[in-house]
C-alpha atoms as a PDB file:
ATOM      1  CA  MET A   1     -30.480 -10.070 -22.155  1.00  0.00           C
ATOM      2  CA  ARG A   2     -29.489  -6.895 -24.103  1.00  0.00           C
ATOM      3  CA  SER A   3     -25.821  -5.856 -23.729  1.00  0.00           C
ATOM      4  CA  PHE A   4     -24.731  -2.285 -22.318  1.00  0.00           C
ATOM      5  CA  PHE A   5     -21.892  -0.012 -23.740  1.00  0.00           C
ATOM      6  CA  ALA A   6     -20.443   3.035 -22.401  1.00  0.00           C
ATOM      7  CA  ARG A   7     -17.804   5.060 -23.328  1.00  0.00           C
ATOM      8  CA  ALA A   8     -16.667   8.547 -22.703  1.00  0.00           C
ATOM      9  CA  GLN A   9     -15.367  10.296 -25.223  1.00  0.00           C
ATOM     10  CA  ALA A  10     -11.899  10.214 -25.575  1.00  0.00           C
ATOM     11  CA  GLN A  11      -9.969  13.549 -25.396  1.00  0.00           C
ATOM     12  CA  PRO A  12      -6.658  14.521 -27.296  1.00  0.00           C
ATOM     13  CA  GLY A  13      -3.580  12.651 -25.903  1.00  0.00           C
ATOM     14  CA  GLN A  14      -5.866  10.001 -23.873  1.00  0.00           C
ATOM     15  CA  ALA A  15      -5.615   6.054 -24.808  1.00  0.00           C
ATOM     16  CA  GLU A  16      -9.143   5.147 -25.823  1.00  0.00           C
ATOM     17  CA  VAL A  17     -10.416   1.282 -24.960  1.00  0.00           C
ATOM     18  CA  SER A  18     -11.030  -0.030 -28.064  1.00  0.00           C
ATOM     19  CA  PRO A  19     -15.076  -1.870 -28.699  1.00  0.00           C
ATOM     20  CA  ALA A  20     -13.080  -4.928 -29.935  1.00  0.00           C
ATOM     21  CA  ALA A  21     -10.803  -5.338 -26.895  1.00  0.00           C
ATOM     22  CA  LEU A  22     -14.460  -4.874 -24.334  1.00  0.00           C
ATOM     23  CA  VAL A  23     -16.005  -7.032 -26.191  1.00  0.00           C
ATOM     24  CA  ASN A  24     -13.231 -10.275 -26.249  1.00  0.00           C
ATOM     25  CA  LEU A  25     -12.490  -9.451 -22.325  1.00  0.00           C
ATOM     26  CA  THR A  26     -16.446  -9.201 -21.768  1.00  0.00           C
ATOM     27  CA  ALA A  27     -16.771 -12.891 -23.931  1.00  0.00           C
ATOM     28  CA  ALA A  28     -13.758 -14.569 -22.129  1.00  0.00           C
ATOM     29  CA  MET A  29     -15.371 -13.803 -18.484  1.00  0.00           C
ATOM     30  CA  LYS A  30     -19.020 -14.620 -19.301  1.00  0.00           C
ATOM     31  CA  PRO A  31     -20.118 -17.104 -16.933  1.00  0.00           C
ATOM     32  CA  PRO A  32     -22.167 -20.033 -16.937  1.00  0.00           C
ATOM     33  CA  LYS A  33     -25.228 -18.114 -15.661  1.00  0.00           C
ATOM     34  CA  GLY A  34     -26.207 -14.609 -14.770  1.00  0.00           C
ATOM     35  CA  ILE A  35     -24.462 -11.586 -15.152  1.00  0.00           C
ATOM     36  CA  VAL A  36     -21.166 -10.414 -16.313  1.00  0.00           C
ATOM     37  CA  ALA A  37     -20.032  -6.463 -15.868  1.00  0.00           C
ATOM     38  CA  ILE A  38     -16.287  -5.371 -16.701  1.00  0.00           C
ATOM     39  CA  GLY A  39     -14.297  -1.814 -16.707  1.00  0.00           C
ATOM     40  CA  VAL A  40     -11.267  -1.086 -18.415  1.00  0.00           C
ATOM     41  CA  LEU A  41      -8.976   1.447 -17.882  1.00  0.00           C
ATOM     42  CA  SER A  42      -6.083   2.508 -20.162  1.00  0.00           C
ATOM     43  CA  GLY A  43      -3.655   6.106 -19.783  1.00  0.00           C
ATOM     44  CA  ASP A  44      -5.486   8.759 -19.006  1.00  0.00           C
ATOM     45  CA  ALA A  45      -8.964   7.831 -20.355  1.00  0.00           C
ATOM     46  CA  PRO A  46     -12.315   7.925 -18.788  1.00  0.00           C
ATOM     47  CA  PRO A  47     -13.301   4.061 -17.689  1.00  0.00           C
ATOM     48  CA  CYS A  48     -14.958   2.114 -20.373  1.00  0.00           C
ATOM     49  CA  ILE A  49     -17.683  -0.220 -19.140  1.00  0.00           C
ATOM     50  CA  LYS A  50     -19.642  -3.538 -20.283  1.00  0.00           C
ATOM     51  CA  SER A  51     -22.183  -5.142 -18.925  1.00  0.00           C
ATOM     52  CA  THR A  52     -24.588  -8.405 -20.209  1.00  0.00           C
ATOM     53  CA  GLY A  53     -27.171  -6.859 -17.706  1.00  0.00           C
ATOM     54  CA  ARG A  54     -30.130  -4.698 -18.304  1.00  0.00           C
ATOM     55  CA  SER A  55     -29.848  -1.573 -15.780  1.00  0.00           C
ATOM     56  CA  PRO A  56     -25.716  -1.370 -15.337  1.00  0.00           C
ATOM     57  CA  GLU A  57     -25.740   1.548 -13.306  1.00  0.00           C
ATOM     58  CA  ARG A  58     -28.806   0.062 -11.134  1.00  0.00           C
ATOM     59  CA  GLU A  59     -27.841  -3.463 -10.556  1.00  0.00           C
ATOM     60  CA  LEU A  60     -25.762  -4.191  -7.378  1.00  0.00           C
ATOM     61  CA  PHE A  61     -23.261  -7.336  -6.933  1.00  0.00           C
ATOM     62  CA  GLU A  62     -21.556  -8.232  -3.642  1.00  0.00           C
ATOM     63  CA  LEU A  63     -17.874  -7.339  -3.916  1.00  0.00           C
ATOM     64  CA  GLY A  64     -16.542  -9.887  -1.949  1.00  0.00           C
ATOM     65  CA  SER A  65     -13.241  -9.888  -0.746  1.00  0.00           C
ATOM     66  CA  VAL A  66     -12.576  -6.489  -2.681  1.00  0.00           C
ATOM     67  CA  THR A  67     -13.678  -4.988   0.534  1.00  0.00           C
ATOM     68  CA  LYS A  68     -10.921  -6.003   2.192  1.00  0.00           C
ATOM     69  CA  THR A  69      -9.283  -3.287  -0.057  1.00  0.00           C
ATOM     70  CA  VAL A  70     -11.704  -0.713   0.934  1.00  0.00           C
ATOM     71  CA  THR A  71     -11.205  -1.194   4.404  1.00  0.00           C
ATOM     72  CA  ALA A  72      -7.337  -1.454   4.293  1.00  0.00           C
ATOM     73  CA  THR A  73      -7.447   1.794   2.725  1.00  0.00           C
ATOM     74  CA  ALA A  74     -10.047   3.125   5.373  1.00  0.00           C
ATOM     75  CA  LEU A  75      -6.842   2.183   7.646  1.00  0.00           C
ATOM     76  CA  ALA A  76      -4.614   3.935   5.504  1.00  0.00           C
ATOM     77  CA  GLN A  77      -6.760   7.087   5.798  1.00  0.00           C
ATOM     78  CA  LEU A  78      -7.312   6.858   9.719  1.00  0.00           C
ATOM     79  CA  VAL A  79      -3.069   6.551   9.779  1.00  0.00           C
ATOM     80  CA  VAL A  80      -2.658   9.565   7.254  1.00  0.00           C
ATOM     81  CA  ASP A  81      -4.950  11.636   9.957  1.00  0.00           C
ATOM     82  CA  GLY A  82      -2.776  10.684  12.992  1.00  0.00           C
ATOM     83  CA  LEU A  83      -5.719   8.749  14.531  1.00  0.00           C
ATOM     84  CA  VAL A  84      -3.730   5.356  14.427  1.00  0.00           C
ATOM     85  CA  THR A  85      -0.416   3.819  13.176  1.00  0.00           C
ATOM     86  CA  LEU A  86       0.155   0.420  11.661  1.00  0.00           C
ATOM     87  CA  GLU A  87       1.889  -0.052  14.839  1.00  0.00           C
ATOM     88  CA  THR A  88      -1.095   0.109  17.319  1.00  0.00           C
ATOM     89  CA  ALA A  89      -2.321  -2.648  19.152  1.00  0.00           C
ATOM     90  CA  VAL A  90      -5.973  -4.261  18.796  1.00  0.00           C
ATOM     91  CA  GLY A  91      -5.522  -4.374  22.617  1.00  0.00           C
ATOM     92  CA  ASP A  92      -5.185  -0.477  22.641  1.00  0.00           C
ATOM     93  CA  ILE A  93      -8.299   0.146  21.238  1.00  0.00           C
ATOM     94  CA  LEU A  94     -10.549  -3.231  22.672  1.00  0.00           C
ATOM     95  CA  GLY A  95      -8.734  -3.419  25.885  1.00  0.00           C
ATOM     96  CA  PRO A  96      -9.859  -6.936  27.310  1.00  0.00           C
ATOM     97  CA  LYS A  97     -12.474  -7.691  24.269  1.00  0.00           C
ATOM     98  CA  ALA A  98      -9.039  -8.243  22.474  1.00  0.00           C
ATOM     99  CA  GLY A  99      -8.678 -11.712  24.117  1.00  0.00           C
ATOM    100  CA  ARG A 100      -5.189 -13.378  22.930  1.00  0.00           C
ATOM    101  CA  ALA A 101      -5.215 -10.928  19.871  1.00  0.00           C
ATOM    102  CA  GLU A 102      -4.366  -8.143  21.877  1.00  0.00           C
ATOM    103  CA  ALA A 103      -0.726  -7.448  20.901  1.00  0.00           C
ATOM    104  CA  ILE A 104      -1.393  -8.090  16.965  1.00  0.00           C
ATOM    105  CA  THR A 105      -1.103  -4.644  15.464  1.00  0.00           C
ATOM    106  CA  LEU A 106      -3.467  -3.307  12.809  1.00  0.00           C
ATOM    107  CA  GLY A 107      -0.469  -3.354  10.131  1.00  0.00           C
ATOM    108  CA  GLU A 108      -0.543  -7.144  10.719  1.00  0.00           C
ATOM    109  CA  LEU A 109      -4.366  -7.631  10.388  1.00  0.00           C
ATOM    110  CA  ALA A 110      -4.391  -5.514   6.828  1.00  0.00           C
ATOM    111  CA  THR A 111      -1.285  -7.613   5.661  1.00  0.00           C
ATOM    112  CA  HIS A 112      -2.343 -11.213   6.698  1.00  0.00           C
ATOM    113  CA  THR A 113       0.887 -11.378   8.962  1.00  0.00           C
ATOM    114  CA  SER A 114      -1.325 -11.748  12.291  1.00  0.00           C
ATOM    115  CA  GLY A 115      -0.876 -15.441  12.225  1.00  0.00           C
ATOM    116  CA  LEU A 116      -4.758 -15.437  12.541  1.00  0.00           C
ATOM    117  CA  PRO A 117      -6.455 -18.407  11.111  1.00  0.00           C
ATOM    118  CA  LYS A 118      -9.118 -17.503   8.307  1.00  0.00           C
ATOM    119  CA  LEU A 119     -12.167 -18.439  10.625  1.00  0.00           C
ATOM    120  CA  ALA A 120     -12.904 -17.599  14.069  1.00  0.00           C
ATOM    121  CA  PRO A 121     -12.620 -21.100  16.597  1.00  0.00           C
ATOM    122  CA  ASN A 122     -16.193 -20.621  17.498  1.00  0.00           C
ATOM    123  CA  ALA A 123     -17.467 -20.084  13.706  1.00  0.00           C
ATOM    124  CA  ILE A 124     -18.329 -23.742  13.031  1.00  0.00           C
ATOM    125  CA  GLY A 125     -19.850 -23.822  17.025  1.00  0.00           C
ATOM    126  CA  PHE A 126     -22.379 -21.456  16.207  1.00  0.00           C
ATOM    127  CA  PRO A 127     -25.285 -22.483  13.641  1.00  0.00           C
ATOM    128  CA  PHE A 128     -22.930 -22.768  10.543  1.00  0.00           C
ATOM    129  CA  TRP A 129     -24.856 -23.067   7.076  1.00  0.00           C
ATOM    130  CA  PRO A 130     -22.713 -23.036   3.827  1.00  0.00           C
ATOM    131  CA  ARG A 131     -25.308 -20.860   1.432  1.00  0.00           C
ATOM    132  CA  ASP A 132     -25.159 -17.795   4.485  1.00  0.00           C
ATOM    133  CA  PRO A 133     -22.120 -18.354   6.385  1.00  0.00           C
ATOM    134  CA  TYR A 134     -21.184 -15.625   8.589  1.00  0.00           C
ATOM    135  CA  ARG A 135     -25.058 -14.798   8.975  1.00  0.00           C
ATOM    136  CA  PHE A 136     -25.079 -15.413  12.569  1.00  0.00           C
ATOM    137  CA  TYR A 137     -20.986 -14.271  13.637  1.00  0.00           C
ATOM    138  CA  ASN A 138     -21.832 -11.352  14.870  1.00  0.00           C
ATOM    139  CA  GLN A 139     -20.017  -8.931  17.482  1.00  0.00           C
ATOM    140  CA  SER A 140     -20.058 -10.515  20.720  1.00  0.00           C
ATOM    141  CA  ARG A 141     -19.348 -14.058  18.656  1.00  0.00           C
ATOM    142  CA  LEU A 142     -16.484 -12.147  17.742  1.00  0.00           C
ATOM    143  CA  TRP A 143     -15.439 -10.860  21.278  1.00  0.00           C
ATOM    144  CA  ARG A 144     -15.671 -14.716  22.682  1.00  0.00           C
ATOM    145  CA  GLY A 145     -13.876 -16.357  19.700  1.00  0.00           C
ATOM    146  CA  LEU A 146     -10.690 -13.850  20.496  1.00  0.00           C
ATOM    147  CA  ALA A 147     -10.885 -15.137  23.881  1.00  0.00           C
ATOM    148  CA  GLU A 148      -9.854 -18.816  22.871  1.00  0.00           C
ATOM    149  CA  VAL A 149      -8.399 -18.029  19.110  1.00  0.00           C
ATOM    150  CA  LYS A 150      -5.019 -19.478  18.737  1.00  0.00           C
ATOM    151  CA  ARG A 151      -1.867 -17.872  16.835  1.00  0.00           C
ATOM    152  CA  ASN A 152      -0.323 -19.064  14.090  1.00  0.00           C
ATOM    153  CA  GLU A 153       3.174 -16.565  15.329  1.00  0.00           C
ATOM    154  CA  ALA A 154       5.057 -18.969  12.592  1.00  0.00           C
ATOM    155  CA  ALA A 155       3.592 -18.265   9.779  1.00  0.00           C
ATOM    156  CA  LYS A 156       4.550 -15.718   7.691  1.00  0.00           C
ATOM    157  CA  PHE A 157       1.682 -15.026   5.838  1.00  0.00           C
ATOM    158  CA  ALA A 158      -1.711 -16.210   6.622  1.00  0.00           C
ATOM    159  CA  TYR A 159      -5.115 -15.327   4.405  1.00  0.00           C
ATOM    160  CA  SER A 160      -7.580 -14.237   7.349  1.00  0.00           C
ATOM    161  CA  ASN A 161     -11.300 -13.406   7.827  1.00  0.00           C
ATOM    162  CA  LEU A 162     -11.106 -12.971  10.594  1.00  0.00           C
ATOM    163  CA  GLY A 163      -8.079 -10.856  10.512  1.00  0.00           C
ATOM    164  CA  PHE A 164     -10.470  -7.828   8.535  1.00  0.00           C
ATOM    165  CA  ALA A 165     -13.644  -8.348  10.054  1.00  0.00           C
ATOM    166  CA  LEU A 166     -11.185  -7.733  13.257  1.00  0.00           C
ATOM    167  CA  LEU A 167      -9.975  -5.187  11.864  1.00  0.00           C
ATOM    168  CA  GLY A 168     -13.103  -3.300  10.920  1.00  0.00           C
ATOM    169  CA  ALA A 169     -14.028  -3.870  14.093  1.00  0.00           C
ATOM    170  CA  CYS A 170     -11.151  -2.275  15.147  1.00  0.00           C
ATOM    171  CA  LEU A 171     -11.356   1.315  13.262  1.00  0.00           C
ATOM    172  CA  ALA A 172     -15.029   1.245  14.202  1.00  0.00           C
ATOM    173  CA  ALA A 173     -14.214   1.340  17.967  1.00  0.00           C
ATOM    174  CA  ALA A 174     -10.917   3.802  17.488  1.00  0.00           C
ATOM    175  CA  THR A 175     -13.695   6.027  15.882  1.00  0.00           C
ATOM    176  CA  ARG A 176     -16.695   5.326  17.734  1.00  0.00           C
ATOM    177  CA  THR A 177     -18.124   4.863  14.186  1.00  0.00           C
ATOM    178  CA  PRO A 178     -20.320   2.204  12.955  1.00  0.00           C
ATOM    179  CA  ILE A 179     -17.961   0.603  10.841  1.00  0.00           C
ATOM    180  CA  GLY A 180     -20.569   0.785   7.708  1.00  0.00           C
ATOM    181  CA  GLU A 181     -20.704   4.856   8.126  1.00  0.00           C
ATOM    182  CA  LEU A 182     -17.090   4.780   8.162  1.00  0.00           C
ATOM    183  CA  LEU A 183     -15.917   3.107   5.337  1.00  0.00           C
ATOM    184  CA  THR A 184     -18.624   4.887   3.099  1.00  0.00           C
ATOM    185  CA  GLU A 185     -17.939   8.321   4.295  1.00  0.00           C
ATOM    186  CA  VAL A 186     -13.516   7.987   4.583  1.00  0.00           C
ATOM    187  CA  VAL A 187     -13.632   5.722   1.458  1.00  0.00           C
ATOM    188  CA  LEU A 188     -16.632   5.283  -0.999  1.00  0.00           C
ATOM    189  CA  ARG A 189     -17.868   8.256  -1.545  1.00  0.00           C
ATOM    190  CA  PRO A 190     -14.380  10.358  -1.506  1.00  0.00           C
ATOM    191  CA  ALA A 191     -13.419   7.603  -4.464  1.00  0.00           C
ATOM    192  CA  GLY A 192     -16.598   8.268  -6.445  1.00  0.00           C
ATOM    193  CA  MET A 193     -18.442   4.782  -5.707  1.00  0.00           C
ATOM    194  CA  ALA A 194     -22.297   6.651  -5.725  1.00  0.00           C
ATOM    195  CA  THR A 195     -24.059   3.413  -5.184  1.00  0.00           C
ATOM    196  CA  ALA A 196     -21.737   1.166  -3.233  1.00  0.00           C
ATOM    197  CA  ARG A 197     -23.206   0.575   0.089  1.00  0.00           C
ATOM    198  CA  CYS A 198     -21.814  -1.440   3.547  1.00  0.00           C
ATOM    199  CA  GLN A 199     -25.124  -2.723   5.004  1.00  0.00           C
ATOM    200  CA  PRO A 200     -24.287  -5.898   6.878  1.00  0.00           C
ATOM    201  CA  CYS A 201     -28.041  -7.371   7.610  1.00  0.00           C
ATOM    202  CA  ARG A 202     -29.513  -6.211   4.289  1.00  0.00           C
ATOM    203  CA  ARG A 203     -29.677  -7.816   1.091  1.00  0.00           C
ATOM    204  CA  SER A 204     -32.079  -6.636  -0.749  1.00  0.00           C
ATOM    205  CA  GLY A 205     -31.410  -5.084  -4.161  1.00  0.00           C
ATOM    206  CA  LEU A 206     -28.640  -7.258  -5.795  1.00  0.00           C
ATOM    207  CA  VAL A 207     -29.093  -8.959  -8.596  1.00  0.00           C
ATOM    208  CA  ALA A 208     -29.366 -12.905  -8.670  1.00  0.00           C
ATOM    209  CA  ALA A 209     -26.465 -14.598  -7.318  1.00  0.00           C
ATOM    210  CA  HIS A 210     -25.432 -18.084  -9.152  1.00  0.00           C
ATOM    211  CA  GLY A 211     -22.863 -20.979  -7.829  1.00  0.00           C
ATOM    212  CA  ARG A 212     -22.148 -24.284  -6.336  1.00  0.00           C
ATOM    213  CA  TRP A 213     -23.959 -23.097  -3.046  1.00  0.00           C
ATOM    214  CA  LEU A 214     -26.790 -21.111  -4.298  1.00  0.00           C
ATOM    215  CA  THR A 215     -30.299 -21.881  -5.121  1.00  0.00           C
ATOM    216  CA  GLY A 216     -33.320 -19.580  -5.546  1.00  0.00           C
ATOM    217  CA  GLY A 217     -30.476 -16.529  -5.432  1.00  0.00           C
ATOM    218  CA  ARG A 218     -29.463 -16.298  -1.935  1.00  0.00           C
ATOM    219  CA  ARG A 219     -27.043 -14.019  -0.897  1.00  0.00           C
ATOM    220  CA  TRP A 220     -24.508 -13.515   2.411  1.00  0.00           C
ATOM    221  CA  HIS A 221     -24.896 -11.621   5.196  1.00  0.00           C
ATOM    222  CA  GLN A 222     -22.004 -10.079   7.277  1.00  0.00           C
ATOM    223  CA  PRO A 223     -22.554  -8.735  10.592  1.00  0.00           C
ATOM    224  CA  LEU A 224     -18.673  -7.908  10.569  1.00  0.00           C
ATOM    225  CA  PRO A 225     -18.396  -6.482   7.169  1.00  0.00           C
ATOM    226  CA  GLY A 226     -15.068  -5.502   7.072  1.00  0.00           C
ATOM    227  CA  ALA A 227     -13.825  -8.435   5.499  1.00  0.00           C
ATOM    228  CA  GLY A 228     -16.157  -8.803   2.544  1.00  0.00           C
ATOM    229  CA  GLY A 229     -19.932  -6.826   3.359  1.00  0.00           C
ATOM    230  CA  ILE A 230     -19.902  -4.395   0.456  1.00  0.00           C
ATOM    231  CA  ASP A 231     -22.063  -4.265  -2.213  1.00  0.00           C
ATOM    232  CA  GLY A 232     -22.161  -2.432  -5.664  1.00  0.00           C
ATOM    233  CA  SER A 233     -22.302  -1.294  -9.356  1.00  0.00           C
ATOM    234  CA  ILE A 234     -20.200  -1.896 -12.063  1.00  0.00           C
ATOM    235  CA  GLY A 235     -19.395   1.761 -12.082  1.00  0.00           C
ATOM    236  CA  ASP A 236     -18.877   1.699  -8.345  1.00  0.00           C
ATOM    237  CA  LEU A 237     -16.380  -0.399  -8.864  1.00  0.00           C
ATOM    238  CA  ALA A 238     -14.739   1.304 -12.145  1.00  0.00           C
ATOM    239  CA  ALA A 239     -14.844   4.501  -9.757  1.00  0.00           C
ATOM    240  CA  TRP A 240     -12.683   2.604  -7.074  1.00  0.00           C
ATOM    241  CA  THR A 241     -10.396   0.803  -9.955  1.00  0.00           C
ATOM    242  CA  ALA A 242     -10.103   4.222 -11.415  1.00  0.00           C
ATOM    243  CA  ALA A 243      -9.215   5.718  -7.614  1.00  0.00           C
ATOM    244  CA  ASN A 244      -6.384   3.018  -7.697  1.00  0.00           C
ATOM    245  CA  PHE A 245      -4.923   3.394 -10.725  1.00  0.00           C
ATOM    246  CA  ARG A 246      -4.925   7.204 -10.722  1.00  0.00           C
ATOM    247  CA  PRO A 247      -4.733   8.381  -6.921  1.00  0.00           C
ATOM    248  CA  ASP A 248      -4.266  11.806  -7.578  1.00  0.00           C
ATOM    249  CA  SER A 249      -7.598  12.125  -9.271  1.00  0.00           C
ATOM    250  CA  THR A 250      -9.219  11.431  -5.679  1.00  0.00           C
ATOM    251  CA  PRO A 251      -9.023  12.864  -1.557  1.00  0.00           C
ATOM    252  CA  LEU A 252      -7.640   9.396  -0.885  1.00  0.00           C
ATOM    253  CA  ALA A 253      -4.489   9.984  -2.770  1.00  0.00           C
ATOM    254  CA  SER A 254      -1.631   9.315   0.355  1.00  0.00           C
ATOM    255  CA  ALA A 255      -3.856   6.550   1.922  1.00  0.00           C
ATOM    256  CA  ILE A 256      -4.026   4.947  -1.362  1.00  0.00           C
ATOM    257  CA  ARG A 257      -0.005   5.017  -1.723  1.00  0.00           C
ATOM    258  CA  LEU A 258      -0.030   4.051   1.628  1.00  0.00           C
ATOM    259  CA  ALA A 259      -2.451   1.277   1.056  1.00  0.00           C
ATOM    260  CA  HIS A 260      -0.094   0.002  -2.598  1.00  0.00           C
ATOM    261  CA  ARG A 261       2.831   0.264  -0.649  1.00  0.00           C
ATOM    262  CA  THR A 262       4.822  -2.964   0.034  1.00  0.00           C
ATOM    263  CA  HIS A 263       4.581  -4.061   3.981  1.00  0.00           C
ATOM    264  CA  HIS A 264       5.616  -7.457   3.323  1.00  0.00           C
ATOM    265  CA  GLN A 265       7.328  -9.720   1.308  1.00  0.00           C
ATOM    266  CA  GLY A 266       7.156 -13.421   0.914  1.00  0.00           C
ATOM    267  CA  GLY A 267       8.937 -14.635  -2.507  1.00  0.00           C
ATOM    268  CA  GLU A 268       7.996 -13.636  -5.273  1.00  0.00           C
ATOM    269  CA  MET A 269       4.496 -12.294  -3.593  1.00  0.00           C
ATOM    270  CA  ALA A 270       4.666  -8.764  -1.844  1.00  0.00           C
ATOM    271  CA  ILE A 271       1.736  -7.426   0.197  1.00  0.00           C
ATOM    272  CA  GLY A 272       0.334  -4.086   0.325  1.00  0.00           C
ATOM    273  CA  LEU A 273      -2.388  -3.064   3.041  1.00  0.00           C
ATOM    274  CA  SER A 274      -4.553  -6.073   1.629  1.00  0.00           C
ATOM    275  CA  TRP A 275      -3.270  -5.685  -1.883  1.00  0.00           C
ATOM    276  CA  VAL A 276      -1.288  -8.557  -3.607  1.00  0.00           C
ATOM    277  CA  LYS A 277       1.289  -7.215  -5.830  1.00  0.00           C
ATOM    278  CA  THR A 278       3.128 -10.041  -8.263  1.00  0.00           C
ATOM    279  CA  ASP A 279       4.767  -9.381 -11.422  1.00  0.00           C
ATOM    280  CA  GLY A 280       4.206  -5.580 -11.661  1.00  0.00           C
ATOM    281  CA  THR A 281       0.220  -6.168 -10.843  1.00  0.00           C
ATOM    282  CA  THR A 282      -1.380  -4.841  -7.890  1.00  0.00           C
ATOM    283  CA  TRP A 283      -4.374  -6.689  -7.358  1.00  0.00           C
ATOM    284  CA  HIS A 284      -7.321  -8.388  -5.545  1.00  0.00           C
ATOM    285  CA  ASN A 285      -9.974 -10.542  -5.827  1.00  0.00           C
ATOM    286  CA  GLY A 286     -13.202 -11.477  -4.382  1.00  0.00           C
ATOM    287  CA  GLY A 287     -15.659 -14.064  -4.071  1.00  0.00           C
ATOM    288  CA  THR A 288     -19.235 -15.174  -1.973  1.00  0.00           C
ATOM    289  CA  GLY A 289     -21.260 -17.796  -2.096  1.00  0.00           C
ATOM    290  CA  GLY A 290     -22.914 -16.503  -5.417  1.00  0.00           C
ATOM    291  CA  PHE A 291     -20.909 -13.348  -7.016  1.00  0.00           C
ATOM    292  CA  SER A 292     -17.412 -12.966  -8.198  1.00  0.00           C
ATOM    293  CA  SER A 293     -15.217  -9.903  -8.136  1.00  0.00           C
ATOM    294  CA  PHE A 294     -11.504  -8.662  -9.811  1.00  0.00           C
ATOM    295  CA  VAL A 295      -9.841  -5.433  -9.654  1.00  0.00           C
ATOM    296  CA  GLY A 296      -6.280  -5.083 -11.110  1.00  0.00           C
ATOM    297  CA  VAL A 297      -4.264  -2.231 -11.943  1.00  0.00           C
ATOM    298  CA  ARG A 298      -0.739  -2.529 -13.622  1.00  0.00           C
ATOM    299  CA  GLY A 299       1.092   0.262 -15.800  1.00  0.00           C
ATOM    300  CA  ASP A 300      -0.603   2.395 -17.677  1.00  0.00           C
ATOM    301  CA  ARG A 301      -3.825  -0.282 -17.410  1.00  0.00           C
ATOM    302  CA  ALA A 302      -6.780  -0.975 -15.439  1.00  0.00           C
ATOM    303  CA  VAL A 303      -9.451  -3.782 -15.035  1.00  0.00           C
ATOM    304  CA  CYS A 304     -12.406  -4.670 -12.713  1.00  0.00           C
ATOM    305  CA  ALA A 305     -15.241  -7.645 -13.377  1.00  0.00           C
ATOM    306  CA  ILE A 306     -18.013  -8.419 -11.259  1.00  0.00           C
ATOM    307  CA  ALA A 307     -19.950 -11.297 -11.931  1.00  0.00           C
ATOM    308  CA  SER A 308     -23.464 -13.032 -10.208  1.00  0.00           C
ATOM    309  CA  TYR A 309     -21.590 -16.640 -10.171  1.00  0.00           C
ATOM    310  CA  ALA A 310     -19.614 -18.032  -7.807  1.00  0.00           C
ATOM    311  CA  ALA A 311     -16.043 -18.923  -8.746  1.00  0.00           C
ATOM    312  CA  THR A 312     -15.538 -22.650  -9.428  1.00  0.00           C
ATOM    313  CA  PRO A 313     -12.689 -24.582 -10.769  1.00  0.00           C
ATOM    314  CA  THR A 314     -14.076 -23.919 -14.408  1.00  0.00           C
ATOM    315  CA  PHE A 315     -14.897 -20.261 -13.865  1.00  0.00           C
ATOM    316  CA  SER A 316     -13.332 -17.447 -12.680  1.00  0.00           C
ATOM    317  CA  LEU A 317     -12.521 -13.909 -13.295  1.00  0.00           C
ATOM    318  CA  ASP A 318      -8.923 -13.857 -12.731  1.00  0.00           C
ATOM    319  CA  GLY A 319      -7.684 -15.573 -15.650  1.00  0.00           C
ATOM    320  CA  ALA A 320      -8.672 -13.204 -18.205  1.00  0.00           C
ATOM    321  CA  ALA A 321      -8.088 -10.184 -16.385  1.00  0.00           C
ATOM    322  CA  PHE A 322      -4.476 -10.842 -15.664  1.00  0.00           C
ATOM    323  CA  ALA A 323      -3.915 -11.814 -19.303  1.00  0.00           C
ATOM    324  CA  TYR A 324      -5.920  -8.432 -20.436  1.00  0.00           C
ATOM    325  CA  LEU A 325      -3.651  -6.739 -17.650  1.00  0.00           C
ATOM    326  CA  GLU A 326      -0.100  -8.275 -19.311  1.00  0.00           C
ATOM    327  CA  GLY A 327      -1.172  -7.584 -22.660  1.00  0.00           C
ATOM    328  CA  GLU A 328      -2.184 -10.470 -24.034  1.00  0.00           C
ATOM    329  CA  SER A 329      -5.699 -10.084 -24.699  1.00  0.00           C
ATOM    330  CA  THR A 330      -7.417  -7.727 -27.657  1.00  0.00           C
ATOM    331  CA  PRO A 331      -4.795  -4.266 -27.307  1.00  0.00           C
ATOM    332  CA  VAL A 332      -6.338  -1.314 -26.663  1.00  0.00           C
END
């Protein structure tokens, strides 16, 4: 496969990312199979993108849980617009459908402090297939799951895919807009993510996926996409990274700042609205059965990466991304 390298011309006063830094970072993130693509930002310079794919501008990947940062920013934008608050309760939006989650607030869902488990209690009760685990978990099953879910109210922080699926459903109900349309109109297009899509039951057009649970390039269907249902190219992910690196360059500045603000502090880790904040870095990663993703911003640099290979004990994008953000990679 040929390599692709695109760098916008740097303007006076901008910090240009060196080609060597991109080459080294790409090599550090290269998976055993498939494609890796990265985007790097520094200072005021435009994003620099490098991919091992053939057509980076058209190759789509599952972004996995990086989707949560988009869903959380949509919540933040609705808060800025005065449609909801972080204290709005699930029951105030869903009524009886909220079940045992009725007292949970949207802010608690967005910070993983709701006490909800990672998966719904009826997640294993439906036809469960590890190669496509959410395929049959639709909204009606979510309502049934909420009727029997048990909250761990003693848990100060518990990462919950169920919580973000519910958050997406709440935002859709509050605006009377399908969640895919809502995320596209409120966040994806304003952030400049021109080809990103949130089509929960359409998985065509993705690059071939690889990983422990994958054979034949299978992808994940996500009828409740708020937790992980966005697909995008490296250009889309770089645009999202740039929006979070330089919020004032987008119409989402107030929402992004609200999402980045610390809403929960747990030891050395702070939580924004979905964003994790550790040692000066604001970040989130993602993983599905055959894809990995990472977005991080720190000081005067930012990085994003996607790979068509699932994270394993021997492969992850995170280590090289953190090293770059902390200045341990080839300097720019």
